[in-house]
Amino acid sequence: MLSTRFMSFSPKRPDSWDTAITVAMLLIPIGTAIGLRWIGPWPIIIALVACISARILLPRTVPVPVAMTLCLIAVVVAVLAVGSFAPNLAAMLYPVFMSTGLFIVFTVTLVKPPSMVERFARIVEPDLDERGIRYTRKVTGVWITFFAFNGLIAAWTVYQNDLFYWGLYNGFISYLIAGLVFVGEFTVRRRVRSQGGA
């Protein structure tokens, strides 16, 4: 039976620093779409690297799997590498790098378990049962599909080289789709929980 504690899991309330960093990272695509017109790419790249570095270095309320930290480091390296010869492109490629990194990390954890969602689940439920493990593998697969789709669309918006549509997708539509995926998974989770008799 899928663990009641996992199925009813709700993250701990984030501290103010964690919330501020999360909000800043969410606003970066909109800031990029506006900032590239007025201040140039390097202030945006510096702000992006600062946010990711803070996310990596500052202690968090809920521990994060090492693979996620490595993904963020890889994103910083990729942005700085491209920025060394094409800073405008580097700023716009950030969503592509992020989706690609998450796609790779989540996929690797399916090949070499535990899956990424299981790793997060075990933070609050160390004794996750077999049904819970199967469920988290399926959810990991759903997020892999999302990251692949999101990365491809983000890359297409970069290719179009239109800051309005780039900002619209990467700063709004992609978040809306991710939210729908999250709500859909939460709804399915509640249904699985009720079917398990928990």
C-alpha atoms as a PDB file:
ATOM      1  CA  MET A   1       0.000   0.000   0.000  1.00  0.00           C
ATOM      2  CA  LEU A   2       1.270   3.424  -0.916  1.00  0.00           C
ATOM      3  CA  SER A   3       2.495   5.162   2.208  1.00  0.00           C
ATOM      4  CA  THR A   4      -0.023   7.500   3.819  1.00  0.00           C
ATOM      5  CA  ARG A   5       2.722   9.857   4.916  1.00  0.00           C
ATOM      6  CA  PHE A   6       4.083  10.149   1.385  1.00  0.00           C
ATOM      7  CA  MET A   7       0.676  10.448  -0.219  1.00  0.00           C
ATOM      8  CA  SER A   8      -0.298  13.240   2.134  1.00  0.00           C
ATOM      9  CA  PHE A   9       3.122  14.858   1.917  1.00  0.00           C
ATOM     10  CA  SER A  10       3.260  18.625   2.031  1.00  0.00           C
ATOM     11  CA  PRO A  11       6.671  20.353   2.034  1.00  0.00           C
ATOM     12  CA  LYS A  12       7.838  22.232   5.072  1.00  0.00           C
ATOM     13  CA  ARG A  13       7.193  25.947   4.973  1.00  0.00           C
ATOM     14  CA  PRO A  14      10.157  27.496   3.153  1.00  0.00           C
ATOM     15  CA  ASP A  15      12.244  30.146   4.855  1.00  0.00           C
ATOM     16  CA  SER A  16      12.315  33.706   3.540  1.00  0.00           C
ATOM     17  CA  TRP A  17      15.657  33.322   1.731  1.00  0.00           C
ATOM     18  CA  ASP A  18      14.515  30.187  -0.075  1.00  0.00           C
ATOM     19  CA  THR A  19      11.280  31.882  -1.116  1.00  0.00           C
ATOM     20  CA  ALA A  20      13.113  34.989  -2.331  1.00  0.00           C
ATOM     21  CA  ILE A  21      15.553  32.943  -4.423  1.00  0.00           C
ATOM     22  CA  THR A  22      12.745  30.875  -5.924  1.00  0.00           C
ATOM     23  CA  VAL A  23      10.759  33.983  -6.865  1.00  0.00           C
ATOM     24  CA  ALA A  24      13.866  35.608  -8.362  1.00  0.00           C
ATOM     25  CA  MET A  25      14.608  32.546 -10.497  1.00  0.00           C
ATOM     26  CA  LEU A  26      11.002  32.406 -11.688  1.00  0.00           C
ATOM     27  CA  LEU A  27      11.188  36.065 -12.727  1.00  0.00           C
ATOM     28  CA  ILE A  28      14.480  35.720 -14.607  1.00  0.00           C
ATOM     29  CA  PRO A  29      12.882  34.892 -18.012  1.00  0.00           C
ATOM     30  CA  ILE A  30      10.644  37.972 -17.850  1.00  0.00           C
ATOM     31  CA  GLY A  31      13.618  40.024 -16.641  1.00  0.00           C
ATOM     32  CA  THR A  32      15.650  38.674 -19.542  1.00  0.00           C
ATOM     33  CA  ALA A  33      13.006  39.560 -22.131  1.00  0.00           C
ATOM     34  CA  ILE A  34      12.894  43.128 -20.806  1.00  0.00           C
ATOM     35  CA  GLY A  35      16.533  43.533 -19.797  1.00  0.00           C
ATOM     36  CA  LEU A  36      18.077  42.446 -23.095  1.00  0.00           C
ATOM     37  CA  ARG A  37      16.437  45.479 -24.693  1.00  0.00           C
ATOM     38  CA  TRP A  38      17.650  48.006 -22.126  1.00  0.00           C
ATOM     39  CA  ILE A  39      20.630  46.853 -20.030  1.00  0.00           C
ATOM     40  CA  GLY A  40      22.307  44.149 -22.079  1.00  0.00           C
ATOM     41  CA  PRO A  41      22.974  40.486 -21.291  1.00  0.00           C
ATOM     42  CA  TRP A  42      25.705  40.567 -18.650  1.00  0.00           C
ATOM     43  CA  PRO A  43      23.638  42.024 -15.768  1.00  0.00           C
ATOM     44  CA  ILE A  44      21.113  39.274 -16.492  1.00  0.00           C
ATOM     45  CA  ILE A  45      23.760  36.545 -16.607  1.00  0.00           C
ATOM     46  CA  ILE A  46      25.314  37.803 -13.350  1.00  0.00           C
ATOM     47  CA  ALA A  47      21.886  37.865 -11.670  1.00  0.00           C
ATOM     48  CA  LEU A  48      21.174  34.355 -12.939  1.00  0.00           C
ATOM     49  CA  VAL A  49      24.511  32.973 -11.727  1.00  0.00           C
ATOM     50  CA  ALA A  50      24.032  34.729  -8.367  1.00  0.00           C
ATOM     51  CA  CYS A  51      20.575  33.186  -7.902  1.00  0.00           C
ATOM     52  CA  ILE A  52      21.734  29.688  -8.798  1.00  0.00           C
ATOM     53  CA  SER A  53      24.833  30.028  -6.591  1.00  0.00           C
ATOM     54  CA  ALA A  54      22.658  31.135  -3.683  1.00  0.00           C
ATOM     55  CA  ARG A  55      20.342  28.190  -4.283  1.00  0.00           C
ATOM     56  CA  ILE A  56      23.333  25.835  -4.179  1.00  0.00           C
ATOM     57  CA  LEU A  57      25.227  27.359  -1.250  1.00  0.00           C
ATOM     58  CA  LEU A  58      22.561  28.544   1.180  1.00  0.00           C
ATOM     59  CA  PRO A  59      21.125  25.927   3.556  1.00  0.00           C
ATOM     60  CA  ARG A  60      17.586  24.810   2.733  1.00  0.00           C
ATOM     61  CA  THR A  61      14.668  23.695   4.862  1.00  0.00           C
ATOM     62  CA  VAL A  62      14.292  20.498   2.827  1.00  0.00           C
ATOM     63  CA  PRO A  63      17.461  18.668   1.670  1.00  0.00           C
ATOM     64  CA  VAL A  64      18.043  18.409  -2.081  1.00  0.00           C
ATOM     65  CA  PRO A  65      19.483  15.327  -3.847  1.00  0.00           C
ATOM     66  CA  VAL A  66      23.106  15.771  -4.940  1.00  0.00           C
ATOM     67  CA  ALA A  67      22.132  15.171  -8.578  1.00  0.00           C
ATOM     68  CA  MET A  68      19.972  18.297  -8.540  1.00  0.00           C
ATOM     69  CA  THR A  69      22.875  20.366  -7.233  1.00  0.00           C
ATOM     70  CA  LEU A  70      25.128  18.999  -9.980  1.00  0.00           C
ATOM     71  CA  CYS A  71      22.458  19.939 -12.514  1.00  0.00           C
ATOM     72  CA  LEU A  72      22.458  23.553 -11.308  1.00  0.00           C
ATOM     73  CA  ILE A  73      26.263  23.697 -11.444  1.00  0.00           C
ATOM     74  CA  ALA A  74      26.159  22.376 -15.023  1.00  0.00           C
ATOM     75  CA  VAL A  75      23.649  25.091 -15.971  1.00  0.00           C
ATOM     76  CA  VAL A  76      25.942  27.799 -14.583  1.00  0.00           C
ATOM     77  CA  VAL A  77      28.924  26.380 -16.484  1.00  0.00           C
ATOM     78  CA  ALA A  78      26.914  26.195 -19.720  1.00  0.00           C
ATOM     79  CA  VAL A  79      25.618  29.765 -19.391  1.00  0.00           C
ATOM     80  CA  LEU A  80      29.089  31.158 -18.679  1.00  0.00           C
ATOM     81  CA  ALA A  81      30.669  29.104 -21.474  1.00  0.00           C
ATOM     82  CA  VAL A  82      28.209  30.372 -24.098  1.00  0.00           C
ATOM     83  CA  GLY A  83      28.320  33.843 -22.557  1.00  0.00           C
ATOM     84  CA  SER A  84      32.049  34.057 -23.213  1.00  0.00           C
ATOM     85  CA  PHE A  85      31.361  34.412 -26.955  1.00  0.00           C
ATOM     86  CA  ALA A  86      27.586  35.078 -27.275  1.00  0.00           C
ATOM     87  CA  PRO A  87      26.176  36.645 -24.083  1.00  0.00           C
ATOM     88  CA  ASN A  88      22.747  37.459 -25.561  1.00  0.00           C
ATOM     89  CA  LEU A  89      22.363  33.865 -26.651  1.00  0.00           C
ATOM     90  CA  ALA A  90      23.537  32.594 -23.257  1.00  0.00           C
ATOM     91  CA  ALA A  91      20.850  34.589 -21.442  1.00  0.00           C
ATOM     92  CA  MET A  92      18.154  33.233 -23.750  1.00  0.00           C
ATOM     93  CA  LEU A  93      19.427  29.641 -23.574  1.00  0.00           C
ATOM     94  CA  TYR A  94      19.041  29.444 -19.787  1.00  0.00           C
ATOM     95  CA  PRO A  95      15.602  27.718 -19.927  1.00  0.00           C
ATOM     96  CA  VAL A  96      16.942  25.276 -22.509  1.00  0.00           C
ATOM     97  CA  PHE A  97      19.955  24.440 -20.351  1.00  0.00           C
ATOM     98  CA  MET A  98      17.746  24.016 -17.271  1.00  0.00           C
ATOM     99  CA  SER A  99      15.254  21.707 -18.998  1.00  0.00           C
ATOM    100  CA  THR A 100      18.063  19.711 -20.618  1.00  0.00           C
ATOM    101  CA  GLY A 101      19.880  19.301 -17.311  1.00  0.00           C
ATOM    102  CA  LEU A 102      16.742  18.192 -15.484  1.00  0.00           C
ATOM    103  CA  PHE A 103      15.828  15.835 -18.337  1.00  0.00           C
ATOM    104  CA  ILE A 104      19.244  14.164 -18.118  1.00  0.00           C
ATOM    105  CA  VAL A 105      19.273  13.948 -14.307  1.00  0.00           C
ATOM    106  CA  PHE A 106      15.741  12.534 -14.048  1.00  0.00           C
ATOM    107  CA  THR A 107      16.386  10.053 -16.876  1.00  0.00           C
ATOM    108  CA  VAL A 108      19.614   8.808 -15.303  1.00  0.00           C
ATOM    109  CA  THR A 109      17.780   8.111 -12.047  1.00  0.00           C
ATOM    110  CA  LEU A 110      15.336   5.866 -13.911  1.00  0.00           C
ATOM    111  CA  VAL A 111      18.248   3.883 -15.331  1.00  0.00           C
ATOM    112  CA  LYS A 112      20.061   3.881 -11.995  1.00  0.00           C
ATOM    113  CA  PRO A 113      17.379   3.904  -9.268  1.00  0.00           C
ATOM    114  CA  PRO A 114      16.147   5.294  -7.009  1.00  0.00           C
ATOM    115  CA  SER A 115      14.217   7.631  -9.288  1.00  0.00           C
ATOM    116  CA  MET A 116      14.438  11.368  -8.639  1.00  0.00           C
ATOM    117  CA  VAL A 117      10.882  11.622  -7.307  1.00  0.00           C
ATOM    118  CA  GLU A 118      11.567   8.666  -5.007  1.00  0.00           C
ATOM    119  CA  ARG A 119      14.644  10.457  -3.662  1.00  0.00           C
ATOM    120  CA  PHE A 120      12.526  13.477  -2.791  1.00  0.00           C
ATOM    121  CA  ALA A 121       9.801  11.245  -1.331  1.00  0.00           C
ATOM    122  CA  ARG A 122      12.270   9.443   0.927  1.00  0.00           C
ATOM    123  CA  ILE A 123      13.244  12.748   2.524  1.00  0.00           C
ATOM    124  CA  VAL A 124       9.924  12.605   4.378  1.00  0.00           C
ATOM    125  CA  GLU A 125       9.220   8.866   4.030  1.00  0.00           C
ATOM    126  CA  PRO A 126      12.450   6.822   4.416  1.00  0.00           C
ATOM    127  CA  ASP A 127      10.530   3.516   4.442  1.00  0.00           C
ATOM    128  CA  LEU A 128       8.676   4.022   1.168  1.00  0.00           C
ATOM    129  CA  ASP A 129       7.026   0.729   0.210  1.00  0.00           C
ATOM    130  CA  GLU A 130       7.131  -1.078  -3.149  1.00  0.00           C
ATOM    131  CA  ARG A 131       3.906   0.459  -4.401  1.00  0.00           C
ATOM    132  CA  GLY A 132       5.224   3.898  -3.550  1.00  0.00           C
ATOM    133  CA  ILE A 133       8.454   3.168  -5.434  1.00  0.00           C
ATOM    134  CA  ARG A 134       6.530   2.144  -8.561  1.00  0.00           C
ATOM    135  CA  TYR A 135       4.383   5.255  -8.330  1.00  0.00           C
ATOM    136  CA  THR A 136       7.373   7.588  -7.982  1.00  0.00           C
ATOM    137  CA  ARG A 137       8.994   5.999 -11.033  1.00  0.00           C
ATOM    138  CA  LYS A 138       5.880   6.782 -13.071  1.00  0.00           C
ATOM    139  CA  VAL A 139       5.840  10.373 -11.821  1.00  0.00           C
ATOM    140  CA  THR A 140       9.538  10.705 -12.685  1.00  0.00           C
ATOM    141  CA  GLY A 141       8.678   9.570 -16.219  1.00  0.00           C
ATOM    142  CA  VAL A 142       5.964  12.217 -16.466  1.00  0.00           C
ATOM    143  CA  TRP A 143       8.438  14.940 -15.500  1.00  0.00           C
ATOM    144  CA  ILE A 144      10.998  13.604 -17.986  1.00  0.00           C
ATOM    145  CA  THR A 145       8.384  14.001 -20.730  1.00  0.00           C
ATOM    146  CA  PHE A 146       7.654  17.549 -19.575  1.00  0.00           C
ATOM    147  CA  PHE A 147      11.339  18.532 -19.519  1.00  0.00           C
ATOM    148  CA  ALA A 148      11.856  17.132 -23.027  1.00  0.00           C
ATOM    149  CA  PHE A 149       8.824  19.011 -24.372  1.00  0.00           C
ATOM    150  CA  ASN A 150       9.699  22.204 -22.525  1.00  0.00           C
ATOM    151  CA  GLY A 151      13.326  22.135 -23.647  1.00  0.00           C
ATOM    152  CA  LEU A 152      12.361  21.696 -27.292  1.00  0.00           C
ATOM    153  CA  ILE A 153       9.830  24.536 -27.219  1.00  0.00           C
ATOM    154  CA  ALA A 154      12.274  26.771 -25.324  1.00  0.00           C
ATOM    155  CA  ALA A 155      14.932  26.048 -27.970  1.00  0.00           C
ATOM    156  CA  TRP A 156      12.408  26.920 -30.700  1.00  0.00           C
ATOM    157  CA  THR A 157      11.703  30.278 -29.041  1.00  0.00           C
ATOM    158  CA  VAL A 158      15.438  31.005 -28.978  1.00  0.00           C
ATOM    159  CA  TYR A 159      15.657  30.149 -32.674  1.00  0.00           C
ATOM    160  CA  GLN A 160      12.797  32.564 -33.438  1.00  0.00           C
ATOM    161  CA  ASN A 161      14.829  35.340 -31.780  1.00  0.00           C
ATOM    162  CA  ASP A 162      11.704  37.267 -30.760  1.00  0.00           C
ATOM    163  CA  LEU A 163      11.978  38.465 -27.158  1.00  0.00           C
ATOM    164  CA  PHE A 164       8.212  38.897 -26.769  1.00  0.00           C
ATOM    165  CA  TYR A 165       7.366  35.298 -27.660  1.00  0.00           C
ATOM    166  CA  TRP A 166      10.488  34.024 -25.880  1.00  0.00           C
ATOM    167  CA  GLY A 167       9.420  35.786 -22.677  1.00  0.00           C
ATOM    168  CA  LEU A 168       5.773  34.755 -23.090  1.00  0.00           C
ATOM    169  CA  TYR A 169       6.616  31.068 -23.300  1.00  0.00           C
ATOM    170  CA  ASN A 170       9.569  30.826 -20.928  1.00  0.00           C
ATOM    171  CA  GLY A 171       8.234  33.302 -18.382  1.00  0.00           C
ATOM    172  CA  PHE A 172       4.567  32.301 -18.368  1.00  0.00           C
ATOM    173  CA  ILE A 173       3.331  29.434 -20.555  1.00  0.00           C
ATOM    174  CA  SER A 174       6.006  26.967 -19.431  1.00  0.00           C
ATOM    175  CA  TYR A 175       5.179  27.700 -15.774  1.00  0.00           C
ATOM    176  CA  LEU A 176       1.479  27.234 -16.517  1.00  0.00           C
ATOM    177  CA  ILE A 177       2.140  23.835 -18.105  1.00  0.00           C
ATOM    178  CA  ALA A 178       4.370  22.798 -15.196  1.00  0.00           C
ATOM    179  CA  GLY A 179       1.612  23.850 -12.786  1.00  0.00           C
ATOM    180  CA  LEU A 180      -0.937  21.772 -14.689  1.00  0.00           C
ATOM    181  CA  VAL A 181       1.393  18.759 -14.546  1.00  0.00           C
ATOM    182  CA  PHE A 182       1.825  19.247 -10.802  1.00  0.00           C
ATOM    183  CA  VAL A 183      -1.930  19.613 -10.185  1.00  0.00           C
ATOM    184  CA  GLY A 184      -2.627  16.583 -12.385  1.00  0.00           C
ATOM    185  CA  GLU A 185      -0.095  14.482 -10.462  1.00  0.00           C
ATOM    186  CA  PHE A 186      -1.532  15.657  -7.127  1.00  0.00           C
ATOM    187  CA  THR A 187      -5.037  14.674  -8.264  1.00  0.00           C
ATOM    188  CA  VAL A 188      -3.861  11.230  -9.367  1.00  0.00           C
ATOM    189  CA  ARG A 189      -1.950  10.835  -6.104  1.00  0.00           C
ATOM    190  CA  ARG A 190      -5.106  11.462  -4.068  1.00  0.00           C
ATOM    191  CA  ARG A 191      -7.002   8.937  -6.180  1.00  0.00           C
ATOM    192  CA  VAL A 192      -4.284   6.300  -5.747  1.00  0.00           C
ATOM    193  CA  ARG A 193      -4.285   6.971  -2.032  1.00  0.00           C
ATOM    194  CA  SER A 194      -8.055   6.465  -1.776  1.00  0.00           C
ATOM    195  CA  GLN A 195      -7.864   3.265  -3.814  1.00  0.00           C
ATOM    196  CA  GLY A 196      -5.172   2.017  -1.464  1.00  0.00           C
ATOM    197  CA  GLY A 197      -7.501   2.401   1.456  1.00  0.00           C
ATOM    198  CA  ALA A 198      -5.152   4.770   3.271  1.00  0.00           C
END
